[in-house]
Amino acid sequence: MCTAVIFTDEAGHLFWGRNYDWSVTYGEKPVIMPKGFTIKCYFDSPVQAEHAAIGMAVDYHGYPLFFNCGNDAGLAVGGLNFAGYAQFAPGPVEGKTNIAAYEVPVWVAANFSTVDEVEAALEDTVIVDAQVGPDMPVVPLFSDCFSAATGTYYYNTVDDPALRCACLADYANADPSALVEPEVKLCRP
């Protein structure tokens, strides 16, 4: 189960991080999506990215399957793994913006500048259970987290009270005395 950490310092700088709770590689690597990049959409015609983005992704036949990324407007997005708990629409819904679950991070990074814009767009959006490709499974996750210095929004595709218990169970045997103070060095321009 993945976790995200988000905070803003006194100067208004946004810090966004997350972990990857898996023990295998999917071929993820840093990927840059330039402004104007043509994005193939599962339910719509291709569109041009309004924003450049950089993040960790799998390059799937030229499509950036972002796990997390940030765009040139300062908006960050991450898809967090809640395997077995996520629920998506089984198919597209007429009259709504239909987005395949795997498209959410790139859709957000390419099209929006603020958390408020994302939140407003999600009111008329359906996240649909759709397969990335014939050799890839349906995305088994997720809950999305969108952040900018102006705020954070969580779009939860999980509708199961048991998830809260599962999350807490991860920390049931945690030993605070075993925690080590990390040495963190921030690089500033």
C-alpha atoms as a PDB file:
ATOM      1  CA  MET A   1       0.000   0.000   0.000  1.00  0.00           C
ATOM      2  CA  CYS A   2       1.606   3.273  -1.102  1.00  0.00           C
ATOM      3  CA  THR A   3       1.822   6.405   0.986  1.00  0.00           C
ATOM      4  CA  ALA A   4       2.239  10.048   0.013  1.00  0.00           C
ATOM      5  CA  VAL A   5       3.711  12.868   2.078  1.00  0.00           C
ATOM      6  CA  ILE A   6       2.929  16.476   1.233  1.00  0.00           C
ATOM      7  CA  PHE A   7       3.915  19.678   2.966  1.00  0.00           C
ATOM      8  CA  THR A   8       4.627  23.314   2.229  1.00  0.00           C
ATOM      9  CA  ASP A   9       7.414  25.167   4.002  1.00  0.00           C
ATOM     10  CA  GLU A  10       7.163  28.681   5.438  1.00  0.00           C
ATOM     11  CA  ALA A  11       8.353  30.158   2.126  1.00  0.00           C
ATOM     12  CA  GLY A  12       5.532  28.416   0.226  1.00  0.00           C
ATOM     13  CA  HIS A  13       7.683  25.717  -1.429  1.00  0.00           C
ATOM     14  CA  LEU A  14       5.759  22.503  -2.009  1.00  0.00           C
ATOM     15  CA  PHE A  15       7.405  19.198  -1.091  1.00  0.00           C
ATOM     16  CA  TRP A  16       5.704  16.089  -2.408  1.00  0.00           C
ATOM     17  CA  GLY A  17       6.923  12.538  -2.029  1.00  0.00           C
ATOM     18  CA  ARG A  18       5.668   8.996  -2.039  1.00  0.00           C
ATOM     19  CA  ASN A  19       6.850   5.436  -1.639  1.00  0.00           C
ATOM     20  CA  TYR A  20       6.429   2.461  -3.950  1.00  0.00           C
ATOM     21  CA  ASP A  21       5.169  -0.508  -1.970  1.00  0.00           C
ATOM     22  CA  TRP A  22       6.190  -3.278  -4.292  1.00  0.00           C
ATOM     23  CA  SER A  23       9.195  -5.530  -4.528  1.00  0.00           C
ATOM     24  CA  VAL A  24       9.512  -5.848  -8.297  1.00  0.00           C
ATOM     25  CA  THR A  25      10.305  -3.411 -11.056  1.00  0.00           C
ATOM     26  CA  TYR A  26       7.890  -2.507 -13.785  1.00  0.00           C
ATOM     27  CA  GLY A  27      10.593  -0.798 -15.816  1.00  0.00           C
ATOM     28  CA  GLU A  28       9.789   2.566 -14.253  1.00  0.00           C
ATOM     29  CA  LYS A  29      12.220   5.384 -14.926  1.00  0.00           C
ATOM     30  CA  PRO A  30      12.266   9.179 -14.979  1.00  0.00           C
ATOM     31  CA  VAL A  31      10.225  10.385 -17.966  1.00  0.00           C
ATOM     32  CA  ILE A  32       9.750  13.890 -19.349  1.00  0.00           C
ATOM     33  CA  MET A  33       6.541  14.708 -21.205  1.00  0.00           C
ATOM     34  CA  PRO A  34       7.048  17.938 -23.172  1.00  0.00           C
ATOM     35  CA  LYS A  35       4.424  20.610 -23.626  1.00  0.00           C
ATOM     36  CA  GLY A  36       2.558  19.849 -26.868  1.00  0.00           C
ATOM     37  CA  PHE A  37       3.123  16.072 -26.529  1.00  0.00           C
ATOM     38  CA  THR A  38       0.358  14.130 -28.284  1.00  0.00           C
ATOM     39  CA  ILE A  39      -1.545  12.042 -25.745  1.00  0.00           C
ATOM     40  CA  LYS A  40      -3.511   9.092 -27.067  1.00  0.00           C
ATOM     41  CA  CYS A  41      -6.769   8.858 -25.122  1.00  0.00           C
ATOM     42  CA  TYR A  42      -8.667   5.635 -24.547  1.00  0.00           C
ATOM     43  CA  PHE A  43     -12.126   7.209 -24.891  1.00  0.00           C
ATOM     44  CA  ASP A  44     -11.423  10.328 -26.939  1.00  0.00           C
ATOM     45  CA  SER A  45      -9.346  11.710 -29.789  1.00  0.00           C
ATOM     46  CA  PRO A  46      -5.662  12.438 -29.115  1.00  0.00           C
ATOM     47  CA  VAL A  47      -4.960  15.745 -27.383  1.00  0.00           C
ATOM     48  CA  GLN A  48      -1.915  17.983 -27.031  1.00  0.00           C
ATOM     49  CA  ALA A  49      -0.441  18.421 -23.547  1.00  0.00           C
ATOM     50  CA  GLU A  50      -0.938  21.980 -22.329  1.00  0.00           C
ATOM     51  CA  HIS A  51       1.781  21.457 -19.692  1.00  0.00           C
ATOM     52  CA  ALA A  52       5.157  19.756 -19.613  1.00  0.00           C
ATOM     53  CA  ALA A  53       5.608  17.145 -16.872  1.00  0.00           C
ATOM     54  CA  ILE A  54       8.362  15.058 -15.344  1.00  0.00           C
ATOM     55  CA  GLY A  55       7.987  12.002 -13.148  1.00  0.00           C
ATOM     56  CA  MET A  56       8.433   8.278 -12.677  1.00  0.00           C
ATOM     57  CA  ALA A  57       6.701   6.280 -15.362  1.00  0.00           C
ATOM     58  CA  VAL A  58       6.696   3.222 -17.538  1.00  0.00           C
ATOM     59  CA  ASP A  59       7.080   4.167 -21.182  1.00  0.00           C
ATOM     60  CA  TYR A  60       4.396   1.966 -22.731  1.00  0.00           C
ATOM     61  CA  HIS A  61       4.682   2.207 -26.521  1.00  0.00           C
ATOM     62  CA  GLY A  62       5.325   5.948 -26.285  1.00  0.00           C
ATOM     63  CA  TYR A  63       2.641   6.588 -23.648  1.00  0.00           C
ATOM     64  CA  PRO A  64       3.943   7.782 -20.250  1.00  0.00           C
ATOM     65  CA  LEU A  65       2.230   5.634 -17.611  1.00  0.00           C
ATOM     66  CA  PHE A  66       3.092   7.965 -14.734  1.00  0.00           C
ATOM     67  CA  PHE A  67       3.149   6.668 -11.178  1.00  0.00           C
ATOM     68  CA  ASN A  68       3.680  10.241 -10.081  1.00  0.00           C
ATOM     69  CA  CYS A  69       4.715  13.461 -11.760  1.00  0.00           C
ATOM     70  CA  GLY A  70       4.767  17.220 -11.505  1.00  0.00           C
ATOM     71  CA  ASN A  71       4.013  19.731 -14.234  1.00  0.00           C
ATOM     72  CA  ASP A  72       5.418  23.122 -15.208  1.00  0.00           C
ATOM     73  CA  ALA A  73       2.613  24.887 -13.314  1.00  0.00           C
ATOM     74  CA  GLY A  74       3.685  23.312 -10.015  1.00  0.00           C
ATOM     75  CA  LEU A  75       0.886  20.740  -9.849  1.00  0.00           C
ATOM     76  CA  ALA A  76       1.918  17.271  -8.650  1.00  0.00           C
ATOM     77  CA  VAL A  77      -0.083  14.065  -9.013  1.00  0.00           C
ATOM     78  CA  GLY A  78       0.421  10.516  -7.825  1.00  0.00           C
ATOM     79  CA  GLY A  79      -1.529   7.321  -8.194  1.00  0.00           C
ATOM     80  CA  LEU A  80      -1.294   5.381  -4.930  1.00  0.00           C
ATOM     81  CA  ASN A  81      -1.600   1.609  -4.906  1.00  0.00           C
ATOM     82  CA  PHE A  82      -4.583   0.213  -3.006  1.00  0.00           C
ATOM     83  CA  ALA A  83      -4.736  -3.111  -4.834  1.00  0.00           C
ATOM     84  CA  GLY A  84      -7.972  -4.977  -4.300  1.00  0.00           C
ATOM     85  CA  TYR A  85      -9.886  -1.946  -3.038  1.00  0.00           C
ATOM     86  CA  ALA A  86     -10.219   0.396  -6.021  1.00  0.00           C
ATOM     87  CA  GLN A  87     -13.537   0.599  -7.825  1.00  0.00           C
ATOM     88  CA  PHE A  88     -14.034   2.093 -11.273  1.00  0.00           C
ATOM     89  CA  ALA A  89     -16.977   2.475 -13.617  1.00  0.00           C
ATOM     90  CA  PRO A  90     -17.262  -0.706 -15.722  1.00  0.00           C
ATOM     91  CA  GLY A  91     -17.606   1.348 -18.917  1.00  0.00           C
ATOM     92  CA  PRO A  92     -17.886   4.880 -20.249  1.00  0.00           C
ATOM     93  CA  VAL A  93     -20.802   7.049 -19.160  1.00  0.00           C
ATOM     94  CA  GLU A  94     -22.547   9.176 -21.774  1.00  0.00           C
ATOM     95  CA  GLY A  95     -22.395  12.916 -21.149  1.00  0.00           C
ATOM     96  CA  LYS A  96     -19.335  12.645 -18.884  1.00  0.00           C
ATOM     97  CA  THR A  97     -15.612  12.988 -19.432  1.00  0.00           C
ATOM     98  CA  ASN A  98     -14.443   9.372 -19.402  1.00  0.00           C
ATOM     99  CA  ILE A  99     -10.853   8.733 -18.332  1.00  0.00           C
ATOM    100  CA  ALA A 100      -9.248   5.292 -18.141  1.00  0.00           C
ATOM    101  CA  ALA A 101      -7.804   4.695 -14.662  1.00  0.00           C
ATOM    102  CA  TYR A 102      -4.254   4.508 -16.021  1.00  0.00           C
ATOM    103  CA  GLU A 103      -4.692   7.898 -17.752  1.00  0.00           C
ATOM    104  CA  VAL A 104      -5.430   9.921 -14.605  1.00  0.00           C
ATOM    105  CA  PRO A 105      -1.880  11.096 -13.761  1.00  0.00           C
ATOM    106  CA  VAL A 106      -1.034  12.139 -17.333  1.00  0.00           C
ATOM    107  CA  TRP A 107      -4.506  13.711 -17.792  1.00  0.00           C
ATOM    108  CA  VAL A 108      -4.037  15.827 -14.675  1.00  0.00           C
ATOM    109  CA  ALA A 109      -0.434  16.820 -15.394  1.00  0.00           C
ATOM    110  CA  ALA A 110      -1.104  17.647 -19.048  1.00  0.00           C
ATOM    111  CA  ASN A 111      -4.300  19.657 -18.600  1.00  0.00           C
ATOM    112  CA  PHE A 112      -4.392  21.464 -15.277  1.00  0.00           C
ATOM    113  CA  SER A 113      -2.500  24.152 -13.360  1.00  0.00           C
ATOM    114  CA  THR A 114      -4.206  24.056  -9.963  1.00  0.00           C
ATOM    115  CA  VAL A 115      -5.854  21.676  -7.548  1.00  0.00           C
ATOM    116  CA  ASP A 116      -9.073  23.683  -7.886  1.00  0.00           C
ATOM    117  CA  GLU A 117      -9.126  23.071 -11.659  1.00  0.00           C
ATOM    118  CA  VAL A 118      -8.690  19.324 -11.128  1.00  0.00           C
ATOM    119  CA  GLU A 119     -11.381  19.201  -8.465  1.00  0.00           C
ATOM    120  CA  ALA A 120     -13.832  21.078 -10.718  1.00  0.00           C
ATOM    121  CA  ALA A 121     -13.081  18.806 -13.696  1.00  0.00           C
ATOM    122  CA  LEU A 122     -13.571  15.657 -11.605  1.00  0.00           C
ATOM    123  CA  GLU A 123     -17.170  16.651 -10.871  1.00  0.00           C
ATOM    124  CA  ASP A 124     -18.022  15.774 -14.493  1.00  0.00           C
ATOM    125  CA  THR A 125     -15.514  12.943 -14.915  1.00  0.00           C
ATOM    126  CA  VAL A 126     -15.839   9.173 -14.662  1.00  0.00           C
ATOM    127  CA  ILE A 127     -12.781   7.002 -14.013  1.00  0.00           C
ATOM    128  CA  VAL A 128     -13.284   3.862 -16.077  1.00  0.00           C
ATOM    129  CA  ASP A 129     -11.942   0.341 -15.682  1.00  0.00           C
ATOM    130  CA  ALA A 130      -9.956  -0.008 -18.913  1.00  0.00           C
ATOM    131  CA  GLN A 131      -6.983  -2.127 -19.889  1.00  0.00           C
ATOM    132  CA  VAL A 132      -3.789  -0.302 -20.893  1.00  0.00           C
ATOM    133  CA  GLY A 133      -3.059  -2.819 -23.628  1.00  0.00           C
ATOM    134  CA  PRO A 134      -3.386  -6.497 -24.469  1.00  0.00           C
ATOM    135  CA  ASP A 135      -0.185  -7.324 -22.589  1.00  0.00           C
ATOM    136  CA  MET A 136      -1.009  -5.211 -19.527  1.00  0.00           C
ATOM    137  CA  PRO A 137      -3.656  -5.745 -16.843  1.00  0.00           C
ATOM    138  CA  VAL A 138      -6.275  -3.258 -15.737  1.00  0.00           C
ATOM    139  CA  VAL A 139      -4.763  -0.863 -13.212  1.00  0.00           C
ATOM    140  CA  PRO A 140      -5.457  -2.594  -9.846  1.00  0.00           C
ATOM    141  CA  LEU A 141      -5.312   0.617  -7.858  1.00  0.00           C
ATOM    142  CA  PHE A 142      -5.818   3.607  -6.946  1.00  0.00           C
ATOM    143  CA  SER A 143      -6.438   6.686  -5.026  1.00  0.00           C
ATOM    144  CA  ASP A 144      -5.094   9.839  -6.595  1.00  0.00           C
ATOM    145  CA  CYS A 145      -3.463  12.707  -4.801  1.00  0.00           C
ATOM    146  CA  PHE A 146      -3.122  16.123  -6.433  1.00  0.00           C
ATOM    147  CA  SER A 147      -1.058  18.858  -4.805  1.00  0.00           C
ATOM    148  CA  ALA A 148       0.145  22.349  -5.462  1.00  0.00           C
ATOM    149  CA  ALA A 149       1.394  25.036  -3.107  1.00  0.00           C
ATOM    150  CA  THR A 150      -2.216  26.255  -2.914  1.00  0.00           C
ATOM    151  CA  GLY A 151      -3.709  23.000  -1.614  1.00  0.00           C
ATOM    152  CA  THR A 152      -4.116  19.252  -1.789  1.00  0.00           C
ATOM    153  CA  TYR A 153      -7.012  17.126  -3.017  1.00  0.00           C
ATOM    154  CA  TYR A 154      -7.502  13.367  -2.752  1.00  0.00           C
ATOM    155  CA  TYR A 155      -9.694  11.627  -5.298  1.00  0.00           C
ATOM    156  CA  ASN A 156     -10.579   8.340  -3.748  1.00  0.00           C
ATOM    157  CA  THR A 157     -11.665   5.447  -5.952  1.00  0.00           C
ATOM    158  CA  VAL A 158     -11.845   3.279  -2.859  1.00  0.00           C
ATOM    159  CA  ASP A 159     -15.228   2.722  -1.248  1.00  0.00           C
ATOM    160  CA  ASP A 160     -14.440   0.180   1.425  1.00  0.00           C
ATOM    161  CA  PRO A 161     -14.260   0.827   5.197  1.00  0.00           C
ATOM    162  CA  ALA A 162     -11.943  -2.186   5.505  1.00  0.00           C
ATOM    163  CA  LEU A 163      -9.233  -0.175   3.772  1.00  0.00           C
ATOM    164  CA  ARG A 164      -8.844   2.064   6.813  1.00  0.00           C
ATOM    165  CA  CYS A 165      -8.219  -1.025   8.934  1.00  0.00           C
ATOM    166  CA  ALA A 166      -5.818  -2.441   6.349  1.00  0.00           C
ATOM    167  CA  CYS A 167      -3.858   0.822   6.367  1.00  0.00           C
ATOM    168  CA  LEU A 168      -3.621   0.849  10.143  1.00  0.00           C
ATOM    169  CA  ALA A 169      -2.628  -2.820  10.198  1.00  0.00           C
ATOM    170  CA  ASP A 170       0.548  -1.897   8.315  1.00  0.00           C
ATOM    171  CA  TYR A 171       1.685  -0.023  11.430  1.00  0.00           C
ATOM    172  CA  ALA A 172       0.336  -2.345  14.150  1.00  0.00           C
ATOM    173  CA  ASN A 173       3.777  -3.660  15.109  1.00  0.00           C
ATOM    174  CA  ALA A 174       5.738  -0.476  14.464  1.00  0.00           C
ATOM    175  CA  ASP A 175       8.492   0.185  17.001  1.00  0.00           C
ATOM    176  CA  PRO A 176       9.065   3.928  17.439  1.00  0.00           C
ATOM    177  CA  SER A 177      12.410   3.254  19.152  1.00  0.00           C
ATOM    178  CA  ALA A 178      13.655   1.683  15.911  1.00  0.00           C
ATOM    179  CA  LEU A 179      13.153   4.893  13.943  1.00  0.00           C
ATOM    180  CA  VAL A 180      16.297   6.593  12.737  1.00  0.00           C
ATOM    181  CA  GLU A 181      16.522  10.339  12.203  1.00  0.00           C
ATOM    182  CA  PRO A 182      17.352  10.639   8.484  1.00  0.00           C
ATOM    183  CA  GLU A 183      19.949  13.090   7.274  1.00  0.00           C
ATOM    184  CA  VAL A 184      18.165  15.213   4.685  1.00  0.00           C
ATOM    185  CA  LYS A 185      19.924  17.687   2.462  1.00  0.00           C
ATOM    186  CA  LEU A 186      17.839  19.931   0.264  1.00  0.00           C
ATOM    187  CA  CYS A 187      19.320  21.316  -2.902  1.00  0.00           C
ATOM    188  CA  ARG A 188      18.277  24.866  -3.715  1.00  0.00           C
ATOM    189  CA  PRO A 189      19.088  26.795  -6.902  1.00  0.00           C
END
